[in-house]
């Protein structure tokens, strides 16, 4: 009886019965995977609770600070929570860090100096970093400051090219950046264990090099994080995993004290550093978002696995595939034609709680070389821990799906994407 009520509710929202039934059959096979995800979520929840209780998070931490923000107890306590949670010496967690790209730029520009070289041993970084580095010319890039860049691509099978990484390390190499997630590519996302193996190889040959991990989309997917395997810095966005859907803005840098202090002096001013930067009334959202984050990440992971199995069954290329282990919340689905990418994003938008009536269109998005289509009817603009999908309008026309504050919403979004594909004659069930 209850199943019939749920089915009718989906139909009232535009999902045909055959689409719903197709999804239900897929779900039956995923129960063991979902149980494992729930256990990881529970483990990470307990880690968060331990950090909260150790640092005596209290009501005063939610108070608003303005002006200079001297002695902002909520801000300072939260940064100690992050440091303890991720086993770092210090942390910078601020609303003044506008996004993940800003956090990465801050970490790089504060820890590199003219004449230094930046090395990426995992190939080309995410699109928005190209202008930070100077791969694509941009005002204020590292290249303009005399900081050079070198990269070593992954091998065709996704493994590290250790031989050429060793050759690339030289006297100028000051910082190594490792992007955990795939970005707008279909390479494998890196597990924390694999990141640790790469860091060990690099540190054995150049012990004093700074290793930074771009941890966007990866937090709380596993029970360990990059600092546990030798990274010096871990960087990310609060409108992704760690904000739990509640943080309205913000980014973080956590790791070695010197690296974090350098970033703080770059964020504010030499001589001021972490001492200033008012929290402006967002502290409760930052704390509560972190509290919810393990559960929210689990919902997003379930959605990614469901999407992979749905579209794999229909014959599309999916990365990771339906049975592979997960190391971030992103699911890539390749359509090999623009119509598929656009229809998929239209379905995700149609399932949104905000702006569901809007039809997304490709546009010239700042920081990207190609037009990008983006579906994101979110409570926080651009929040990719919320149900969202996007992709560049370039071959092979891959949609990158992520998020879902709840598993139920992730499921709805995936079924609606399937519905749009069906309506446009791109699939048959």
Protein backbone atom coordinates (compact mmCIF):
# COMPACT_ATOMS: atom_id res chain seq x y z
CA UNK A 1 0.00 0.00 0.00
CA UNK A 2 2.73 2.47 0.99
CA UNK A 3 4.73 1.58 -2.12
CA UNK A 4 1.74 2.48 -4.28
CA UNK A 5 1.38 5.84 -2.52
CA UNK A 6 5.07 6.61 -3.17
CA UNK A 7 4.73 5.59 -6.82
CA UNK A 8 1.68 7.83 -7.31
CA UNK A 9 3.58 10.71 -5.68
CA UNK A 10 6.41 10.29 -8.18
CA UNK A 11 3.87 10.23 -11.00
CA UNK A 12 2.34 13.47 -9.75
CA UNK A 13 5.84 15.02 -10.05
CA UNK A 14 6.24 13.86 -13.65
CA UNK A 15 8.00 10.49 -13.31
CA UNK A 16 6.34 7.78 -15.42
CA UNK A 17 5.58 4.38 -13.90
CA UNK A 18 8.08 2.54 -16.11
CA UNK A 19 10.86 4.95 -15.07
CA UNK A 20 10.00 4.41 -11.42
CA UNK A 21 9.91 0.62 -11.80
CA UNK A 22 13.24 0.61 -13.65
CA UNK A 23 14.83 2.48 -10.75
CA UNK A 24 13.23 0.19 -8.17
CA UNK A 25 14.74 -2.88 -9.78
CA UNK A 26 18.20 -1.31 -9.68
CA UNK A 27 17.80 -0.35 -6.02
CA UNK A 28 17.15 -3.92 -4.90
CA UNK A 29 20.73 -4.84 -5.81
CA UNK A 30 22.29 -1.91 -3.92
CA UNK A 31 21.23 -2.59 -0.33
CA UNK A 32 24.62 -4.11 0.77
CA UNK A 33 26.52 -1.10 -0.69
CA UNK A 34 24.23 1.32 1.11
CA UNK A 35 24.73 -0.47 4.43
CA UNK A 36 28.51 -0.10 4.06
CA UNK A 37 28.12 3.63 3.33
CA UNK A 38 26.02 4.03 6.48
CA UNK A 39 28.77 2.44 8.56
CA UNK A 40 31.39 4.82 7.16
CA UNK A 41 29.02 7.70 7.88
CA UNK A 42 28.59 6.54 11.47
CA UNK A 43 32.35 6.31 11.96
CA UNK A 44 32.86 9.83 10.62
CA UNK A 45 29.98 11.18 12.71
CA UNK A 46 31.70 9.88 15.83
CA UNK A 47 34.95 11.57 14.78
CA UNK A 48 33.12 14.88 14.42
CA UNK A 49 31.48 14.45 17.82
CA UNK A 50 34.84 13.72 19.43
CA UNK A 51 36.33 16.91 17.99
CA UNK A 52 33.31 18.98 19.10
CA UNK A 53 33.37 17.64 22.63
CA UNK A 54 37.16 17.80 23.03
CA UNK A 55 37.08 21.51 22.15
CA UNK A 56 34.04 22.29 24.31
CA UNK A 57 31.86 23.69 21.56
CA UNK A 58 29.29 25.84 23.39
CA UNK A 59 26.50 28.32 22.74
CA UNK A 60 28.92 31.26 22.82
CA UNK A 61 30.58 29.83 19.70
CA UNK A 62 27.50 30.84 17.68
CA UNK A 63 27.70 34.53 18.60
CA UNK A 64 28.21 37.09 15.86
CA UNK A 65 31.52 38.95 15.60
CA UNK A 66 31.97 42.10 13.53
CA UNK A 67 34.69 44.56 12.66
CA UNK A 68 38.18 43.21 13.17
CA UNK A 69 36.90 40.05 14.82
CA UNK A 70 39.56 39.97 17.53
CA UNK A 71 39.09 37.07 19.97
CA UNK A 72 36.21 35.56 18.00
CA UNK A 73 35.71 32.48 20.17
CA UNK A 74 33.44 30.73 17.64
CA UNK A 75 35.91 31.16 14.79
CA UNK A 76 38.94 30.14 16.84
CA UNK A 77 37.20 27.10 18.35
CA UNK A 78 35.96 25.93 14.96
CA UNK A 79 39.46 26.09 13.52
CA UNK A 80 40.74 23.96 16.39
CA UNK A 81 37.87 21.51 15.75
CA UNK A 82 38.99 21.22 12.12
CA UNK A 83 42.64 20.79 13.12
CA UNK A 84 41.80 17.99 15.57
CA UNK A 85 39.26 16.31 13.31
CA UNK A 86 41.70 16.05 10.40
CA UNK A 87 44.87 15.59 12.47
CA UNK A 88 46.47 18.87 11.44
CA UNK A 89 48.54 21.32 13.45
CA UNK A 90 46.34 24.29 12.52
CA UNK A 91 43.38 25.27 10.36
CA UNK A 92 41.98 28.31 8.57
CA UNK A 93 38.16 28.11 8.20
CA UNK A 94 36.68 31.42 7.06
CA UNK A 95 33.68 32.95 5.30
CA UNK A 96 36.19 35.34 3.71
CA UNK A 97 37.40 32.36 1.62
CA UNK A 98 34.77 32.57 -1.08
CA UNK A 99 34.99 29.12 -2.69
CA UNK A 100 37.21 26.09 -3.24
CA UNK A 101 39.10 27.78 -6.09
CA UNK A 102 39.85 30.71 -3.79
CA UNK A 103 41.06 28.36 -1.03
CA UNK A 104 43.42 26.62 -3.47
CA UNK A 105 44.72 29.92 -4.84
CA UNK A 106 45.29 31.13 -1.29
CA UNK A 107 47.22 28.00 -0.31
CA UNK A 108 49.38 28.13 -3.44
CA UNK A 109 50.09 31.85 -3.55
CA UNK A 110 50.97 32.01 0.14
CA UNK A 111 53.38 29.08 0.14
CA UNK A 112 55.16 29.70 -3.18
CA UNK A 113 57.65 32.46 -3.95
CA UNK A 114 59.14 33.83 -7.20
CA UNK A 115 61.55 31.28 -8.64
CA UNK A 116 59.72 28.30 -7.09
CA UNK A 117 58.12 25.58 -9.16
CA UNK A 118 54.74 23.90 -8.70
CA UNK A 119 54.41 20.26 -9.74
CA UNK A 120 51.23 18.31 -10.46
CA UNK A 121 52.05 14.58 -10.62
CA UNK A 122 48.44 13.66 -11.47
CA UNK A 123 48.06 15.49 -14.77
CA UNK A 124 46.17 18.62 -15.71
CA UNK A 125 44.26 20.19 -12.81
CA UNK A 126 40.63 21.26 -12.73
CA UNK A 127 39.70 24.00 -15.21
CA UNK A 128 39.53 26.89 -12.74
CA UNK A 129 43.11 26.24 -11.58
CA UNK A 130 44.46 26.81 -15.07
CA UNK A 131 44.15 30.58 -14.68
CA UNK A 132 45.55 30.50 -11.14
CA UNK A 133 48.65 28.69 -12.39
CA UNK A 134 48.87 30.63 -15.65
CA UNK A 135 48.31 27.72 -18.03
CA UNK A 136 45.68 30.07 -19.45
CA UNK A 137 46.80 33.70 -19.12
CA UNK A 138 45.09 35.59 -16.30
CA UNK A 139 45.82 38.64 -14.19
CA UNK A 140 47.59 37.78 -10.95
CA UNK A 141 48.46 34.20 -11.92
CA UNK A 142 51.40 32.34 -10.38
CA UNK A 143 53.15 32.64 -13.74
CA UNK A 144 53.01 36.45 -13.52
CA UNK A 145 54.86 36.20 -10.20
CA UNK A 146 57.65 34.11 -11.70
CA UNK A 147 56.43 30.77 -10.35
CA UNK A 148 56.82 27.99 -12.89
CA UNK A 149 54.64 24.93 -13.36
CA UNK A 150 55.29 21.37 -14.42
CA UNK A 151 52.98 18.38 -14.67
CA UNK A 152 53.29 14.65 -15.15
CA UNK A 153 50.26 12.97 -16.66
CA UNK A 154 48.81 9.78 -15.31
CA UNK A 155 49.40 6.66 -17.39
CA UNK A 156 46.60 5.41 -19.64
CA UNK A 157 45.47 2.94 -16.99
CA UNK A 158 45.24 5.73 -14.38
CA UNK A 159 48.40 4.74 -12.51
CA UNK A 160 51.13 7.16 -11.45
CA UNK A 161 54.06 7.66 -13.81
CA UNK A 162 56.68 7.30 -11.08
CA UNK A 163 59.60 7.37 -13.50
CA UNK A 164 58.69 10.78 -14.91
CA UNK A 165 57.59 12.13 -11.53
CA UNK A 166 61.10 11.44 -10.24
CA UNK A 167 62.57 13.22 -13.26
CA UNK A 168 60.26 16.21 -12.76
CA UNK A 169 61.31 16.77 -9.15
CA UNK A 170 64.16 19.28 -9.11
CA UNK A 171 65.83 21.96 -6.98
CA UNK A 172 63.08 24.47 -7.81
CA UNK A 173 60.19 22.16 -6.84
CA UNK A 174 58.67 23.80 -3.75
CA UNK A 175 55.11 22.49 -3.73
CA UNK A 176 53.37 19.41 -5.14
CA UNK A 177 49.62 19.62 -5.71
CA UNK A 178 47.52 16.46 -5.83
CA UNK A 179 43.93 16.73 -7.00
CA UNK A 180 41.94 13.96 -5.37
CA UNK A 181 38.79 14.21 -7.47
CA UNK A 182 38.49 13.85 -11.23
CA UNK A 183 37.36 17.37 -12.15
CA UNK A 184 36.04 17.58 -15.72
CA UNK A 185 37.84 14.38 -16.67
CA UNK A 186 37.10 10.68 -16.54
CA UNK A 187 40.28 9.60 -14.80
CA UNK A 188 39.90 7.62 -11.56
CA UNK A 189 39.42 9.58 -8.37
CA UNK A 190 42.34 8.94 -6.01
CA UNK A 191 41.77 7.02 -2.80
CA UNK A 192 43.48 8.30 0.33
CA UNK A 193 45.61 5.14 0.29
CA UNK A 194 46.86 5.86 -3.25
CA UNK A 195 47.52 9.48 -2.34
CA UNK A 196 49.61 8.22 0.58
CA UNK A 197 51.66 6.00 -1.72
CA UNK A 198 52.37 8.95 -4.02
CA UNK A 199 53.28 11.24 -1.12
CA UNK A 200 55.67 8.63 0.30
CA UNK A 201 57.40 8.33 -3.08
CA UNK A 202 57.79 12.11 -3.39
CA UNK A 203 58.90 12.71 0.21
CA UNK A 204 61.49 9.94 -0.04
CA UNK A 205 63.14 11.87 -2.88
CA UNK A 206 62.49 15.41 -1.67
CA UNK A 207 61.62 15.41 2.06
CA UNK A 208 61.15 19.18 2.41
CA UNK A 209 58.70 19.65 -0.44
CA UNK A 210 55.21 20.83 0.56
CA UNK A 211 52.46 18.44 -0.54
CA UNK A 212 48.99 19.96 -0.89
CA UNK A 213 45.89 17.88 -1.57
CA UNK A 214 42.87 19.42 -3.25
CA UNK A 215 40.32 17.49 -1.20
CA UNK A 216 37.17 18.93 -2.81
CA UNK A 217 34.34 16.37 -3.03
CA UNK A 218 36.34 13.79 -1.05
CA UNK A 219 35.80 14.64 2.63
CA UNK A 220 34.09 11.95 4.72
CA UNK A 221 33.86 9.51 1.80
CA UNK A 222 36.42 7.35 3.61
CA UNK A 223 37.34 7.07 7.28
CA UNK A 224 40.79 8.63 6.76
CA UNK A 225 41.85 11.87 5.07
CA UNK A 226 45.00 13.05 3.25
CA UNK A 227 46.75 14.47 6.35
CA UNK A 228 46.67 10.93 7.78
CA UNK A 229 48.93 9.74 4.95
CA UNK A 230 51.54 12.48 4.92
CA UNK A 231 50.01 15.53 3.20
CA UNK A 232 51.16 18.91 4.52
CA UNK A 233 47.99 20.75 3.54
CA UNK A 234 44.42 19.76 2.77
CA UNK A 235 42.19 22.30 1.05
CA UNK A 236 38.49 22.46 0.21
CA UNK A 237 35.19 24.30 0.02
CA UNK A 238 32.42 24.60 2.61
CA UNK A 239 29.67 24.62 -0.02
CA UNK A 240 30.73 21.09 -0.84
CA UNK A 241 31.02 18.16 1.58
CA UNK A 242 32.07 19.76 4.87
CA UNK A 243 29.40 22.47 4.88
CA UNK A 244 26.68 19.86 5.08
CA UNK A 245 24.43 22.02 2.92
CA UNK A 246 24.15 24.68 5.63
CA UNK A 247 27.32 26.73 5.21
CA UNK A 248 26.36 29.70 3.00
CA UNK A 249 29.97 30.37 1.89
CA UNK A 250 33.50 29.53 2.93
CA UNK A 251 36.56 27.41 2.49
CA UNK A 252 39.20 25.74 4.61
CA UNK A 253 42.91 25.00 4.74
CA UNK A 254 44.15 22.56 7.37
CA UNK A 255 47.61 21.09 7.94
CA UNK A 256 51.10 22.15 9.02
CA UNK A 257 51.12 25.28 11.18
CA UNK A 258 53.57 27.17 8.96
CA UNK A 259 51.56 26.46 5.79
CA UNK A 260 48.32 27.58 7.43
CA UNK A 261 49.91 30.71 8.89
CA UNK A 262 51.28 31.64 5.47
CA UNK A 263 47.76 31.33 4.05
CA UNK A 264 46.32 33.46 6.86
CA UNK A 265 48.82 36.26 6.19
CA UNK A 266 47.88 36.14 2.51
CA UNK A 267 44.13 36.14 3.27
CA UNK A 268 44.31 39.18 5.55
CA UNK A 269 47.63 41.04 5.79
CA UNK A 270 51.22 40.53 6.91
CA UNK A 271 51.27 41.14 10.64
CA UNK A 272 47.57 40.34 11.08
CA UNK A 273 47.05 36.77 9.85
CA UNK A 274 44.50 34.67 11.73
CA UNK A 275 43.88 37.33 14.40
CA UNK A 276 41.36 39.22 12.27
CA UNK A 277 38.40 38.21 10.16
CA UNK A 278 34.98 38.48 11.79
CA UNK A 279 32.65 35.50 11.51
CA UNK A 280 29.68 37.75 10.59
CA UNK A 281 26.95 35.48 11.95
CA UNK A 282 27.75 32.31 10.00
CA UNK A 283 29.28 30.28 12.82
CA UNK A 284 26.17 28.30 13.72
CA UNK A 285 25.80 27.27 10.06
CA UNK A 286 29.48 26.26 9.91
CA UNK A 287 29.24 24.14 13.07
CA UNK A 288 25.87 22.61 12.29
CA UNK A 289 26.86 21.94 8.68
CA UNK A 290 29.96 20.06 9.85
CA UNK A 291 27.79 18.10 12.29
CA UNK A 292 25.48 17.01 9.44
CA UNK A 293 28.27 16.50 6.89
CA UNK A 294 28.92 12.75 7.34
CA UNK A 295 25.21 11.97 6.87
CA UNK A 296 24.85 14.33 3.91
CA UNK A 297 27.94 12.86 2.22
CA UNK A 298 26.46 9.38 2.68
CA UNK A 299 23.28 10.51 0.90
CA UNK A 300 25.32 11.93 -1.97
CA UNK A 301 27.31 8.70 -2.27
CA UNK A 302 24.13 6.63 -2.47
CA UNK A 303 22.89 8.91 -5.22
CA UNK A 304 26.15 8.57 -7.16
CA UNK A 305 26.05 4.78 -6.97
CA UNK A 306 22.38 4.71 -7.99
CA UNK A 307 23.09 6.94 -10.99
CA UNK A 308 26.05 4.80 -12.04
CA UNK A 309 24.01 1.61 -11.98
CA UNK A 310 21.02 3.18 -13.74
CA UNK A 311 23.01 4.59 -16.65
CA UNK A 312 25.40 1.64 -16.89
CA UNK A 313 22.39 -0.64 -17.29
CA UNK A 314 21.27 1.55 -20.20
CA UNK A 315 24.64 1.18 -21.94
CA UNK A 316 26.25 4.55 -21.17
CA UNK A 317 29.86 4.97 -20.11
CA UNK A 318 29.99 5.76 -16.40
CA UNK A 319 32.98 6.65 -14.22
CA UNK A 320 33.28 5.09 -11.69
CA UNK A 321 31.29 2.08 -12.85
CA UNK A 322 28.42 0.66 -10.86
CA UNK A 323 30.51 -1.68 -8.72
CA UNK A 324 33.78 0.22 -8.17
CA UNK A 325 34.68 1.61 -4.72
CA UNK A 326 33.99 5.32 -4.18
CA UNK A 327 36.53 7.98 -3.23
CA UNK A 328 34.50 11.13 -3.95
CA UNK A 329 30.84 12.06 -4.45
CA UNK A 330 31.07 12.75 -8.20
CA UNK A 331 29.50 10.50 -10.82
CA UNK A 332 30.44 11.00 -14.46
CA UNK A 333 28.04 9.85 -17.19
CA UNK A 334 29.22 10.15 -20.80
CA UNK A 335 26.59 10.64 -23.51
CA UNK A 336 28.78 11.26 -26.61
CA UNK A 337 26.26 13.85 -27.83
CA UNK A 338 25.28 17.28 -26.47
CA UNK A 339 21.58 16.40 -26.39
CA UNK A 340 22.22 13.74 -23.73
CA UNK A 341 24.21 16.06 -21.49
CA UNK A 342 21.59 18.80 -21.80
CA UNK A 343 18.63 16.45 -21.15
CA UNK A 344 20.34 14.98 -18.08
CA UNK A 345 20.91 18.44 -16.60
CA UNK A 346 17.33 19.46 -17.41
CA UNK A 347 16.11 16.49 -15.37
CA UNK A 348 18.27 17.36 -12.36
CA UNK A 349 17.04 20.96 -12.48
CA UNK A 350 13.41 19.83 -12.75
CA UNK A 351 13.82 17.91 -9.48
CA UNK A 352 15.23 20.90 -7.58
CA UNK A 353 13.47 22.46 -4.58
CA UNK A 354 14.49 25.91 -5.87
CA UNK A 355 14.01 27.10 -9.47
CA UNK A 356 12.60 23.77 -10.62
CA UNK A 357 10.72 25.60 -13.41
CA UNK A 358 13.95 26.91 -14.92
CA UNK A 359 15.48 25.20 -17.95
CA UNK A 360 19.31 25.27 -17.78
CA UNK A 361 21.22 26.37 -20.87
CA UNK A 362 24.94 26.26 -21.74
CA UNK A 363 26.76 29.55 -21.09
CA UNK A 364 30.21 31.16 -20.94
CA UNK A 365 30.94 30.60 -17.27
CA UNK A 366 33.84 32.53 -15.65
CA UNK A 367 36.96 30.39 -15.20
CA UNK A 368 36.11 27.88 -17.95
CA UNK A 369 37.36 27.63 -21.54
CA UNK A 370 34.22 25.94 -22.95
CA UNK A 371 30.56 26.70 -22.44
CA UNK A 372 29.21 24.92 -19.37
CA UNK A 373 25.69 23.73 -18.61
CA UNK A 374 24.86 23.65 -14.94
CA UNK A 375 21.80 22.37 -13.09
CA UNK A 376 21.74 23.61 -9.52
CA UNK A 377 18.42 24.56 -7.97
CA UNK A 378 20.03 24.92 -4.58
CA UNK A 379 19.38 26.72 -1.30
CA UNK A 380 22.99 27.97 -1.46
CA UNK A 381 24.01 29.26 -4.89
CA UNK A 382 26.47 26.88 -6.55
CA UNK A 383 26.47 24.44 -3.64
CA UNK A 384 27.55 21.14 -5.16
CA UNK A 385 26.82 19.09 -2.05
CA UNK A 386 23.22 19.84 -2.96
CA UNK A 387 21.68 17.98 -5.91
CA UNK A 388 23.46 19.31 -8.97
CA UNK A 389 24.95 18.37 -12.32
CA UNK A 390 27.12 20.16 -14.80
CA UNK A 391 29.51 19.62 -17.65
CA UNK A 392 31.40 21.41 -20.41
CA UNK A 393 29.88 21.43 -23.90
CA UNK A 394 32.77 19.54 -25.44
CA UNK A 395 33.32 15.98 -26.61
CA UNK A 396 32.65 13.40 -25.19
CA UNK A 397 29.78 15.36 -23.54
CA UNK A 398 30.03 14.08 -20.01
CA UNK A 399 27.71 15.08 -17.19
CA UNK A 400 29.22 15.33 -13.72
CA UNK A 401 26.54 14.59 -11.17
CA UNK A 402 26.99 15.18 -7.46
CA UNK A 403 25.23 15.91 -4.22
CA UNK A 404 21.87 15.37 -2.63
CA UNK A 405 21.31 16.62 0.91
CA UNK A 406 19.09 13.58 1.42
CA UNK A 407 19.08 10.21 -0.30
CA UNK A 408 15.39 10.66 -1.20
CA UNK A 409 16.17 13.84 -3.11
CA UNK A 410 19.14 12.28 -4.90
CA UNK A 411 16.89 9.41 -5.98
CA UNK A 412 14.23 11.81 -7.23
CA UNK A 413 16.77 13.77 -9.26
CA UNK A 414 18.18 10.68 -10.94
CA UNK A 415 14.72 9.38 -11.86
CA UNK A 416 13.79 12.80 -13.26
CA UNK A 417 16.97 12.84 -15.37
CA UNK A 418 15.92 9.46 -16.72
CA UNK A 419 12.45 10.84 -17.45
CA UNK A 420 13.86 13.73 -19.50
CA UNK A 421 16.11 11.34 -21.43
CA UNK A 422 13.08 9.18 -22.21
CA UNK A 423 10.92 12.14 -23.30
CA UNK A 424 13.61 13.27 -25.76
CA UNK A 425 13.89 9.78 -27.24
CA UNK A 426 17.47 9.30 -26.01
CA UNK A 427 16.72 6.06 -24.12
CA UNK A 428 14.13 3.28 -24.19
CA UNK A 429 13.23 1.24 -21.11
